[in-house]
Amino acid sequence: MLQGVAERLGHFLRDVDTIARLGGDEFTVVLEGVHNVSQITAAAQKIQDSLSQPLLVDNREIFVSASIGISVYPFDVKDIDEFLKNADIAMYQAKHDGGSTHRFFVAEMNNHTSERLALEGRLRHALARRQFTLHYQPQVNIPSGRIIGAEALIRWHDEELGSIAPARFIPLAEATGLIIPIGEWVLHTACAQNKAWQDAGCAPIPVAVNLSPRQFRQANLLETITQALTDTGLNPRFLELEITESTIMHQAEKTIVTWRNCTRWACVCRWTISAPAIPA
């Protein structure tokens, strides 16, 4: 597939231009002798158009797309290292904006990247420093006024930054893989709290825990759920796992297999499917 992408890119480049694969699925194209933004934009559009057609690999059609970051010398940079770095920053901005597009580097992107790295560094220590808490949003039966369930919602309070909204740190945790240990902590803590309520004499209710797409794709998901229930002594009837529609639609067949495996073990009896929403 990578060879096919390289061939596509090479079809429209001139002899004075350069194409290189830096690693993984990242390519760099150096265009020389361009004099205006429209030329650069046209080249970026040609790249995206060339990759819009499927690649044939082992008699199978593979569809790819390109997120393109653009840096212009000498306007954006002082040296070659900064030249590449700025193009990389702009590429990640293109990905953040939905992918399959291109973005020119602007100085504000650099500031955003620095902030993101700083937040990521603090997020990596938040679990060990016990900075996370769970809030429980009740589900109420309106006619009777009785609480029939609750949803566990994670909150992060950093010592220096204060309260950080889930909409800000959850995508970062997902992108970096930190969502796995954080998600395990949420699952275990929610089960322990529900069992504590029951032991205190409260009427038993199910507590819902959100599973991120990355969590749901983990091979040891079933073992993680079973361990949380075993450690806390919570009856599986009172654990509800919530996944979004987008999680189901990504690799639907694998999702069904995971779902069935969990059900066979009888460690989870309640699943909720919801549309993506802004965290409360």
C-alpha atoms as a PDB file:
ATOM      1  CA  MET A   1       0.000   0.000   0.000  1.00  0.00           C
ATOM      2  CA  LEU A   2       2.818   2.393   0.909  1.00  0.00           C
ATOM      3  CA  GLN A   3       4.520   1.649  -2.396  1.00  0.00           C
ATOM      4  CA  GLY A   4       1.274   2.384  -4.196  1.00  0.00           C
ATOM      5  CA  VAL A   5       0.945   5.726  -2.401  1.00  0.00           C
ATOM      6  CA  ALA A   6       4.532   6.612  -3.323  1.00  0.00           C
ATOM      7  CA  GLU A   7       3.842   5.808  -6.980  1.00  0.00           C
ATOM      8  CA  ARG A   8       0.720   7.980  -6.969  1.00  0.00           C
ATOM      9  CA  LEU A   9       2.636  10.884  -5.456  1.00  0.00           C
ATOM     10  CA  GLY A  10       5.415  10.489  -7.999  1.00  0.00           C
ATOM     11  CA  HIS A  11       3.055  10.721 -10.968  1.00  0.00           C
ATOM     12  CA  PHE A  12       2.478  14.462 -10.706  1.00  0.00           C
ATOM     13  CA  LEU A  13       5.830  15.639  -9.283  1.00  0.00           C
ATOM     14  CA  ARG A  14       8.321  17.489 -11.441  1.00  0.00           C
ATOM     15  CA  ASP A  15      11.998  16.563 -11.800  1.00  0.00           C
ATOM     16  CA  VAL A  16      12.976  19.383  -9.432  1.00  0.00           C
ATOM     17  CA  ASP A  17      10.633  18.196  -6.702  1.00  0.00           C
ATOM     18  CA  THR A  18      11.476  15.666  -3.996  1.00  0.00           C
ATOM     19  CA  ILE A  19       9.399  12.963  -2.323  1.00  0.00           C
ATOM     20  CA  ALA A  20      10.508  10.947   0.714  1.00  0.00           C
ATOM     21  CA  ARG A  21       8.943   8.602   3.245  1.00  0.00           C
ATOM     22  CA  LEU A  22       9.954   9.698   6.737  1.00  0.00           C
ATOM     23  CA  GLY A  23       8.544   6.609   8.436  1.00  0.00           C
ATOM     24  CA  GLY A  24       5.287   4.820   9.085  1.00  0.00           C
ATOM     25  CA  ASP A  25       2.641   6.277   6.814  1.00  0.00           C
ATOM     26  CA  GLU A  26       4.162   9.770   6.645  1.00  0.00           C
ATOM     27  CA  PHE A  27       5.530  11.165   3.396  1.00  0.00           C
ATOM     28  CA  THR A  28       7.196  14.498   2.736  1.00  0.00           C
ATOM     29  CA  VAL A  29       7.046  16.347  -0.571  1.00  0.00           C
ATOM     30  CA  VAL A  30       9.357  19.295  -1.264  1.00  0.00           C
ATOM     31  CA  LEU A  31       8.142  21.606  -4.036  1.00  0.00           C
ATOM     32  CA  GLU A  32      10.705  23.998  -5.472  1.00  0.00           C
ATOM     33  CA  GLY A  33      10.143  27.147  -7.456  1.00  0.00           C
ATOM     34  CA  VAL A  34       6.581  27.831  -6.368  1.00  0.00           C
ATOM     35  CA  HIS A  35       5.685  31.513  -6.236  1.00  0.00           C
ATOM     36  CA  ASN A  36       2.190  31.773  -4.773  1.00  0.00           C
ATOM     37  CA  VAL A  37      -0.302  30.055  -2.483  1.00  0.00           C
ATOM     38  CA  SER A  38      -2.526  28.943  -5.341  1.00  0.00           C
ATOM     39  CA  GLN A  39       0.274  26.766  -6.745  1.00  0.00           C
ATOM     40  CA  ILE A  40       0.775  25.092  -3.381  1.00  0.00           C
ATOM     41  CA  THR A  41      -2.958  24.600  -2.874  1.00  0.00           C
ATOM     42  CA  ALA A  42      -3.280  23.087  -6.338  1.00  0.00           C
ATOM     43  CA  ALA A  43      -0.461  20.631  -5.581  1.00  0.00           C
ATOM     44  CA  ALA A  44      -2.098  19.616  -2.302  1.00  0.00           C
ATOM     45  CA  GLN A  45      -5.398  19.077  -4.080  1.00  0.00           C
ATOM     46  CA  LYS A  46      -3.689  16.925  -6.718  1.00  0.00           C
ATOM     47  CA  ILE A  47      -2.266  14.730  -3.979  1.00  0.00           C
ATOM     48  CA  GLN A  48      -5.671  14.266  -2.402  1.00  0.00           C
ATOM     49  CA  ASP A  49      -7.305  13.628  -5.769  1.00  0.00           C
ATOM     50  CA  SER A  50      -4.666  11.061  -6.711  1.00  0.00           C
ATOM     51  CA  LEU A  51      -5.270   9.158  -3.483  1.00  0.00           C
ATOM     52  CA  SER A  52      -9.047   9.310  -3.719  1.00  0.00           C
ATOM     53  CA  GLN A  53      -9.030   6.370  -6.129  1.00  0.00           C
ATOM     54  CA  PRO A  54      -8.644   2.916  -4.521  1.00  0.00           C
ATOM     55  CA  LEU A  55      -5.292   1.149  -4.474  1.00  0.00           C
ATOM     56  CA  LEU A  56      -5.202  -2.447  -5.703  1.00  0.00           C
ATOM     57  CA  VAL A  57      -3.174  -4.636  -3.311  1.00  0.00           C
ATOM     58  CA  ASP A  58      -3.274  -8.437  -3.667  1.00  0.00           C
ATOM     59  CA  ASN A  59      -6.421  -8.087  -5.790  1.00  0.00           C
ATOM     60  CA  ARG A  60      -8.143  -6.111  -3.051  1.00  0.00           C
ATOM     61  CA  GLU A  61      -9.209  -2.483  -3.217  1.00  0.00           C
ATOM     62  CA  ILE A  62      -7.821  -0.351  -0.383  1.00  0.00           C
ATOM     63  CA  PHE A  63      -9.068   3.180   0.192  1.00  0.00           C
ATOM     64  CA  VAL A  64      -6.749   5.761   1.731  1.00  0.00           C
ATOM     65  CA  SER A  65      -6.863   9.492   2.332  1.00  0.00           C
ATOM     66  CA  ALA A  66      -4.292  12.179   3.038  1.00  0.00           C
ATOM     67  CA  SER A  67      -4.045  14.837   5.723  1.00  0.00           C
ATOM     68  CA  ILE A  68      -1.551  17.420   4.507  1.00  0.00           C
ATOM     69  CA  GLY A  69       0.383  20.006   6.483  1.00  0.00           C
ATOM     70  CA  ILE A  70       2.132  22.790   4.574  1.00  0.00           C
ATOM     71  CA  SER A  71       5.069  24.937   5.617  1.00  0.00           C
ATOM     72  CA  VAL A  72       6.510  27.631   3.330  1.00  0.00           C
ATOM     73  CA  TYR A  73      10.201  28.523   3.276  1.00  0.00           C
ATOM     74  CA  PRO A  74      11.525  31.040   4.263  1.00  0.00           C
ATOM     75  CA  PHE A  75       8.366  32.672   5.652  1.00  0.00           C
ATOM     76  CA  ASP A  76       7.547  30.085   8.360  1.00  0.00           C
ATOM     77  CA  VAL A  77      11.013  28.948   9.410  1.00  0.00           C
ATOM     78  CA  LYS A  78      14.591  29.723  10.319  1.00  0.00           C
ATOM     79  CA  ASP A  79      16.174  26.333   9.557  1.00  0.00           C
ATOM     80  CA  ILE A  80      15.379  22.974   7.984  1.00  0.00           C
ATOM     81  CA  ASP A  81      14.457  21.270  11.271  1.00  0.00           C
ATOM     82  CA  GLU A  82      11.842  23.928  11.979  1.00  0.00           C
ATOM     83  CA  PHE A  83      10.687  23.642   8.374  1.00  0.00           C
ATOM     84  CA  LEU A  84       9.788  19.964   8.856  1.00  0.00           C
ATOM     85  CA  LYS A  85       8.435  20.486  12.363  1.00  0.00           C
ATOM     86  CA  ASN A  86       6.008  23.184  11.236  1.00  0.00           C
ATOM     87  CA  ALA A  87       4.732  21.056   8.367  1.00  0.00           C
ATOM     88  CA  ASP A  88       4.197  18.230  10.867  1.00  0.00           C
ATOM     89  CA  ILE A  89       2.249  20.529  13.209  1.00  0.00           C
ATOM     90  CA  ALA A  90       0.050  21.672  10.324  1.00  0.00           C
ATOM     91  CA  MET A  91      -0.554  18.041   9.308  1.00  0.00           C
ATOM     92  CA  TYR A  92      -1.851  17.169  12.767  1.00  0.00           C
ATOM     93  CA  GLN A  93      -4.092  20.217  12.601  1.00  0.00           C
ATOM     94  CA  ALA A  94      -5.497  18.857   9.333  1.00  0.00           C
ATOM     95  CA  LYS A  95      -6.137  15.529  11.061  1.00  0.00           C
ATOM     96  CA  HIS A  96      -7.772  17.295  13.988  1.00  0.00           C
ATOM     97  CA  ASP A  97     -10.074  19.122  11.565  1.00  0.00           C
ATOM     98  CA  GLY A  98     -11.408  15.848  10.227  1.00  0.00           C
ATOM     99  CA  GLY A  99      -8.697  14.620   7.888  1.00  0.00           C
ATOM    100  CA  SER A 100      -8.678  14.391   4.090  1.00  0.00           C
ATOM    101  CA  THR A 101      -7.778  18.073   3.898  1.00  0.00           C
ATOM    102  CA  HIS A 102      -4.759  20.372   3.992  1.00  0.00           C
ATOM    103  CA  ARG A 103      -3.691  23.146   6.338  1.00  0.00           C
ATOM    104  CA  PHE A 104      -1.010  25.835   6.094  1.00  0.00           C
ATOM    105  CA  PHE A 105       1.141  26.339   9.169  1.00  0.00           C
ATOM    106  CA  VAL A 106       0.426  29.441  11.245  1.00  0.00           C
ATOM    107  CA  ALA A 107       2.203  30.475  14.439  1.00  0.00           C
ATOM    108  CA  GLU A 108      -0.890  29.856  16.569  1.00  0.00           C
ATOM    109  CA  MET A 109      -0.617  26.152  15.770  1.00  0.00           C
ATOM    110  CA  ASN A 110       2.770  26.037  17.485  1.00  0.00           C
ATOM    111  CA  ASN A 111       1.261  27.528  20.626  1.00  0.00           C
ATOM    112  CA  HIS A 112      -1.553  24.975  20.525  1.00  0.00           C
ATOM    113  CA  THR A 113       0.943  22.111  20.152  1.00  0.00           C
ATOM    114  CA  SER A 114       2.976  23.327  23.126  1.00  0.00           C
ATOM    115  CA  GLU A 115      -0.176  23.526  25.234  1.00  0.00           C
ATOM    116  CA  ARG A 116      -1.203  20.039  24.157  1.00  0.00           C
ATOM    117  CA  LEU A 117       2.199  18.569  25.079  1.00  0.00           C
ATOM    118  CA  ALA A 118       2.094  20.284  28.462  1.00  0.00           C
ATOM    119  CA  LEU A 119      -1.412  18.956  29.130  1.00  0.00           C
ATOM    120  CA  GLU A 120      -0.374  15.478  28.033  1.00  0.00           C
ATOM    121  CA  GLY A 121       2.521  15.554  30.486  1.00  0.00           C
ATOM    122  CA  ARG A 122       0.197  16.457  33.361  1.00  0.00           C
ATOM    123  CA  LEU A 123      -2.363  13.863  32.242  1.00  0.00           C
ATOM    124  CA  ARG A 124       0.268  11.119  32.441  1.00  0.00           C
ATOM    125  CA  HIS A 125       0.710  11.808  36.170  1.00  0.00           C
ATOM    126  CA  ALA A 126      -2.924  12.567  37.050  1.00  0.00           C
ATOM    127  CA  LEU A 127      -3.893   8.974  37.852  1.00  0.00           C
ATOM    128  CA  ALA A 128      -0.917   8.376  40.179  1.00  0.00           C
ATOM    129  CA  ARG A 129      -1.578  11.699  41.892  1.00  0.00           C
ATOM    130  CA  ARG A 130      -5.250  10.766  42.498  1.00  0.00           C
ATOM    131  CA  GLN A 131      -6.536  13.833  40.663  1.00  0.00           C
ATOM    132  CA  PHE A 132      -9.522  12.060  39.105  1.00  0.00           C
ATOM    133  CA  THR A 133     -12.936  11.789  40.729  1.00  0.00           C
ATOM    134  CA  LEU A 134     -16.210  10.256  39.612  1.00  0.00           C
ATOM    135  CA  HIS A 135     -19.515  12.105  39.744  1.00  0.00           C
ATOM    136  CA  TYR A 136     -22.739  10.130  39.420  1.00  0.00           C
ATOM    137  CA  GLN A 137     -25.578  11.524  37.337  1.00  0.00           C
ATOM    138  CA  PRO A 138     -28.866   9.966  38.494  1.00  0.00           C
ATOM    139  CA  GLN A 139     -31.472   8.478  36.186  1.00  0.00           C
ATOM    140  CA  VAL A 140     -34.897   9.232  37.628  1.00  0.00           C
ATOM    141  CA  ASN A 141     -38.298   7.692  36.970  1.00  0.00           C
ATOM    142  CA  ILE A 142     -40.364  10.856  36.509  1.00  0.00           C
ATOM    143  CA  PRO A 143     -43.804   9.579  37.666  1.00  0.00           C
ATOM    144  CA  SER A 144     -42.466   8.073  40.895  1.00  0.00           C
ATOM    145  CA  GLY A 145     -39.438  10.300  41.435  1.00  0.00           C
ATOM    146  CA  ARG A 146     -37.415   7.175  42.226  1.00  0.00           C
ATOM    147  CA  ILE A 147     -33.749   6.892  41.200  1.00  0.00           C
ATOM    148  CA  ILE A 148     -33.478   3.874  38.912  1.00  0.00           C
ATOM    149  CA  GLY A 149     -29.863   4.183  37.781  1.00  0.00           C
ATOM    150  CA  ALA A 150     -26.815   6.395  37.525  1.00  0.00           C
ATOM    151  CA  GLU A 151     -24.035   7.217  35.084  1.00  0.00           C
ATOM    152  CA  ALA A 152     -20.423   7.578  36.188  1.00  0.00           C
ATOM    153  CA  LEU A 153     -18.803  10.766  34.865  1.00  0.00           C
ATOM    154  CA  ILE A 154     -15.086  11.374  35.279  1.00  0.00           C
ATOM    155  CA  ARG A 155     -13.708  14.733  36.421  1.00  0.00           C
ATOM    156  CA  TRP A 156     -10.096  15.936  36.547  1.00  0.00           C
ATOM    157  CA  HIS A 157      -8.841  18.616  38.927  1.00  0.00           C
ATOM    158  CA  ASP A 158      -5.192  19.525  38.411  1.00  0.00           C
ATOM    159  CA  GLU A 159      -3.330  21.251  41.230  1.00  0.00           C
ATOM    160  CA  GLU A 160      -2.097  24.065  38.962  1.00  0.00           C
ATOM    161  CA  LEU A 161      -4.603  24.158  36.100  1.00  0.00           C
ATOM    162  CA  GLY A 162      -7.718  23.624  38.199  1.00  0.00           C
ATOM    163  CA  SER A 163     -10.743  21.796  36.770  1.00  0.00           C
ATOM    164  CA  ILE A 164     -10.201  20.523  33.227  1.00  0.00           C
ATOM    165  CA  ALA A 165     -13.271  19.713  31.135  1.00  0.00           C
ATOM    166  CA  PRO A 166     -13.693  16.114  29.900  1.00  0.00           C
ATOM    167  CA  ALA A 167     -14.115  17.454  26.354  1.00  0.00           C
ATOM    168  CA  ARG A 168     -10.546  18.692  26.631  1.00  0.00           C
ATOM    169  CA  PHE A 169      -8.746  15.718  28.160  1.00  0.00           C
ATOM    170  CA  ILE A 170     -10.745  12.663  27.038  1.00  0.00           C
ATOM    171  CA  PRO A 171      -9.780  13.012  23.317  1.00  0.00           C
ATOM    172  CA  LEU A 172      -6.161  13.476  24.403  1.00  0.00           C
ATOM    173  CA  ALA A 173      -6.322  10.369  26.587  1.00  0.00           C
ATOM    174  CA  GLU A 174      -7.821   8.444  23.669  1.00  0.00           C
ATOM    175  CA  ALA A 175      -5.129   9.620  21.237  1.00  0.00           C
ATOM    176  CA  THR A 176      -2.233   8.813  23.578  1.00  0.00           C
ATOM    177  CA  GLY A 177      -3.546   5.480  24.869  1.00  0.00           C
ATOM    178  CA  LEU A 178      -3.858   6.815  28.421  1.00  0.00           C
ATOM    179  CA  ILE A 179      -7.586   6.096  28.166  1.00  0.00           C
ATOM    180  CA  ILE A 180      -6.811   2.421  28.893  1.00  0.00           C
ATOM    181  CA  PRO A 181      -5.488   2.796  32.472  1.00  0.00           C
ATOM    182  CA  ILE A 182      -7.890   5.691  33.124  1.00  0.00           C
ATOM    183  CA  GLY A 183     -10.814   3.602  31.865  1.00  0.00           C
ATOM    184  CA  GLU A 184      -9.820   0.674  34.067  1.00  0.00           C
ATOM    185  CA  TRP A 185      -9.736   3.008  37.071  1.00  0.00           C
ATOM    186  CA  VAL A 186     -13.207   4.359  36.220  1.00  0.00           C
ATOM    187  CA  LEU A 187     -14.632   0.858  35.843  1.00  0.00           C
ATOM    188  CA  HIS A 188     -13.168  -0.384  39.132  1.00  0.00           C
ATOM    189  CA  THR A 189     -14.096   2.769  41.071  1.00  0.00           C
ATOM    190  CA  ALA A 190     -17.682   2.810  39.794  1.00  0.00           C
ATOM    191  CA  CYS A 191     -18.171  -0.861  40.712  1.00  0.00           C
ATOM    192  CA  ALA A 192     -16.697  -0.293  44.177  1.00  0.00           C
ATOM    193  CA  GLN A 193     -18.930   2.733  44.807  1.00  0.00           C
ATOM    194  CA  ASN A 194     -22.072   0.909  43.700  1.00  0.00           C
ATOM    195  CA  LYS A 195     -21.250  -2.028  45.992  1.00  0.00           C
ATOM    196  CA  ALA A 196     -20.614   0.403  48.875  1.00  0.00           C
ATOM    197  CA  TRP A 197     -24.045   1.981  48.340  1.00  0.00           C
ATOM    198  CA  GLN A 198     -25.684  -1.429  48.430  1.00  0.00           C
ATOM    199  CA  ASP A 199     -23.755  -2.454  51.566  1.00  0.00           C
ATOM    200  CA  ALA A 200     -24.969   0.781  53.214  1.00  0.00           C
ATOM    201  CA  GLY A 201     -28.576  -0.254  52.615  1.00  0.00           C
ATOM    202  CA  CYS A 202     -29.360   1.755  49.476  1.00  0.00           C
ATOM    203  CA  ALA A 203     -31.707   0.215  46.933  1.00  0.00           C
ATOM    204  CA  PRO A 204     -29.582  -1.533  44.283  1.00  0.00           C
ATOM    205  CA  ILE A 205     -29.412   0.285  40.950  1.00  0.00           C
ATOM    206  CA  PRO A 206     -27.313  -0.175  37.822  1.00  0.00           C
ATOM    207  CA  VAL A 207     -24.429   2.228  37.280  1.00  0.00           C
ATOM    208  CA  ALA A 208     -23.416   2.964  33.689  1.00  0.00           C
ATOM    209  CA  VAL A 209     -19.759   3.293  32.681  1.00  0.00           C
ATOM    210  CA  ASN A 210     -18.736   4.693  29.312  1.00  0.00           C
ATOM    211  CA  LEU A 211     -16.297   2.597  27.277  1.00  0.00           C
ATOM    212  CA  SER A 212     -14.177   4.520  24.811  1.00  0.00           C
ATOM    213  CA  PRO A 213     -13.634   3.084  21.301  1.00  0.00           C
ATOM    214  CA  ARG A 214     -10.034   2.271  22.178  1.00  0.00           C
ATOM    215  CA  GLN A 215     -11.076   0.446  25.347  1.00  0.00           C
ATOM    216  CA  PHE A 216     -13.673  -1.558  23.480  1.00  0.00           C
ATOM    217  CA  ARG A 217     -11.065  -2.758  20.984  1.00  0.00           C
ATOM    218  CA  GLN A 218      -8.738  -4.072  23.706  1.00  0.00           C
ATOM    219  CA  ALA A 219      -8.211  -7.826  23.534  1.00  0.00           C
ATOM    220  CA  ASN A 220      -8.411  -8.130  27.324  1.00  0.00           C
ATOM    221  CA  LEU A 221     -11.660  -6.179  27.727  1.00  0.00           C
ATOM    222  CA  LEU A 222     -13.554  -9.175  29.099  1.00  0.00           C
ATOM    223  CA  GLU A 223     -10.838  -9.927  31.646  1.00  0.00           C
ATOM    224  CA  THR A 224     -10.762  -6.268  32.735  1.00  0.00           C
ATOM    225  CA  ILE A 225     -14.512  -6.204  33.352  1.00  0.00           C
ATOM    226  CA  THR A 226     -14.474  -9.552  35.140  1.00  0.00           C
ATOM    227  CA  GLN A 227     -11.593  -8.457  37.375  1.00  0.00           C
ATOM    228  CA  ALA A 228     -13.398  -5.251  38.404  1.00  0.00           C
ATOM    229  CA  LEU A 229     -16.531  -7.199  39.319  1.00  0.00           C
ATOM    230  CA  THR A 230     -14.553  -9.871  41.180  1.00  0.00           C
ATOM    231  CA  ASP A 231     -12.455  -7.381  43.147  1.00  0.00           C
ATOM    232  CA  THR A 232     -15.450  -5.324  44.257  1.00  0.00           C
ATOM    233  CA  GLY A 233     -17.999  -8.107  44.676  1.00  0.00           C
ATOM    234  CA  LEU A 234     -20.593  -6.249  42.590  1.00  0.00           C
ATOM    235  CA  ASN A 235     -23.343  -8.350  41.035  1.00  0.00           C
ATOM    236  CA  PRO A 236     -22.992  -8.088  37.228  1.00  0.00           C
ATOM    237  CA  ARG A 237     -26.669  -7.132  37.025  1.00  0.00           C
ATOM    238  CA  PHE A 238     -25.795  -3.713  38.383  1.00  0.00           C
ATOM    239  CA  LEU A 239     -23.083  -2.812  35.870  1.00  0.00           C
ATOM    240  CA  GLU A 240     -24.104  -1.173  32.625  1.00  0.00           C
ATOM    241  CA  LEU A 241     -21.570  -0.527  29.859  1.00  0.00           C
ATOM    242  CA  GLU A 242     -22.221   2.270  27.410  1.00  0.00           C
ATOM    243  CA  ILE A 243     -20.762   2.460  23.925  1.00  0.00           C
ATOM    244  CA  THR A 244     -21.471   4.897  21.112  1.00  0.00           C
ATOM    245  CA  GLU A 245     -22.856   4.240  17.661  1.00  0.00           C
ATOM    246  CA  SER A 246     -19.491   5.148  16.137  1.00  0.00           C
ATOM    247  CA  THR A 247     -17.830   2.376  18.164  1.00  0.00           C
ATOM    248  CA  ILE A 248     -20.244  -0.183  16.752  1.00  0.00           C
ATOM    249  CA  MET A 249     -19.868   1.008  13.167  1.00  0.00           C
ATOM    250  CA  HIS A 250     -16.062   0.729  13.327  1.00  0.00           C
ATOM    251  CA  GLN A 251     -15.265  -2.914  12.491  1.00  0.00           C
ATOM    252  CA  ALA A 252     -18.858  -3.980  13.078  1.00  0.00           C
ATOM    253  CA  GLU A 253     -18.189  -7.726  12.829  1.00  0.00           C
ATOM    254  CA  LYS A 254     -15.453  -7.572  15.477  1.00  0.00           C
ATOM    255  CA  THR A 255     -17.747  -5.493  17.675  1.00  0.00           C
ATOM    256  CA  ILE A 256     -20.445  -8.172  17.515  1.00  0.00           C
ATOM    257  CA  VAL A 257     -17.937 -10.898  18.458  1.00  0.00           C
ATOM    258  CA  THR A 258     -16.733  -8.870  21.467  1.00  0.00           C
ATOM    259  CA  TRP A 259     -20.313  -8.230  22.533  1.00  0.00           C
ATOM    260  CA  ARG A 260     -21.239 -11.922  22.334  1.00  0.00           C
ATOM    261  CA  ASN A 261     -18.127 -13.049  24.221  1.00  0.00           C
ATOM    262  CA  CYS A 262     -18.937 -10.714  27.117  1.00  0.00           C
ATOM    263  CA  THR A 263     -22.548 -11.911  27.173  1.00  0.00           C
ATOM    264  CA  ARG A 264     -21.526 -15.589  27.230  1.00  0.00           C
ATOM    265  CA  TRP A 265     -19.449 -15.025  30.343  1.00  0.00           C
ATOM    266  CA  ALA A 266     -22.514 -13.479  32.006  1.00  0.00           C
ATOM    267  CA  CYS A 267     -20.290 -10.859  33.577  1.00  0.00           C
ATOM    268  CA  VAL A 268     -22.177  -8.074  31.865  1.00  0.00           C
ATOM    269  CA  CYS A 269     -25.903  -8.093  31.439  1.00  0.00           C
ATOM    270  CA  ARG A 270     -26.637  -4.503  30.413  1.00  0.00           C
ATOM    271  CA  TRP A 271     -25.358  -2.626  27.384  1.00  0.00           C
ATOM    272  CA  THR A 272     -26.430   0.827  26.249  1.00  0.00           C
ATOM    273  CA  ILE A 273     -25.823   2.258  22.785  1.00  0.00           C
ATOM    274  CA  SER A 274     -25.848   6.014  22.494  1.00  0.00           C
ATOM    275  CA  ALA A 275     -25.113   8.662  19.929  1.00  0.00           C
ATOM    276  CA  PRO A 276     -21.958  10.716  20.554  1.00  0.00           C
ATOM    277  CA  ALA A 277     -22.651  13.612  22.880  1.00  0.00           C
ATOM    278  CA  ILE A 278     -20.813  16.488  24.505  1.00  0.00           C
ATOM    279  CA  PRO A 279     -19.696  15.379  27.994  1.00  0.00           C
ATOM    280  CA  ALA A 280     -21.788  16.902  30.785  1.00  0.00           C
END
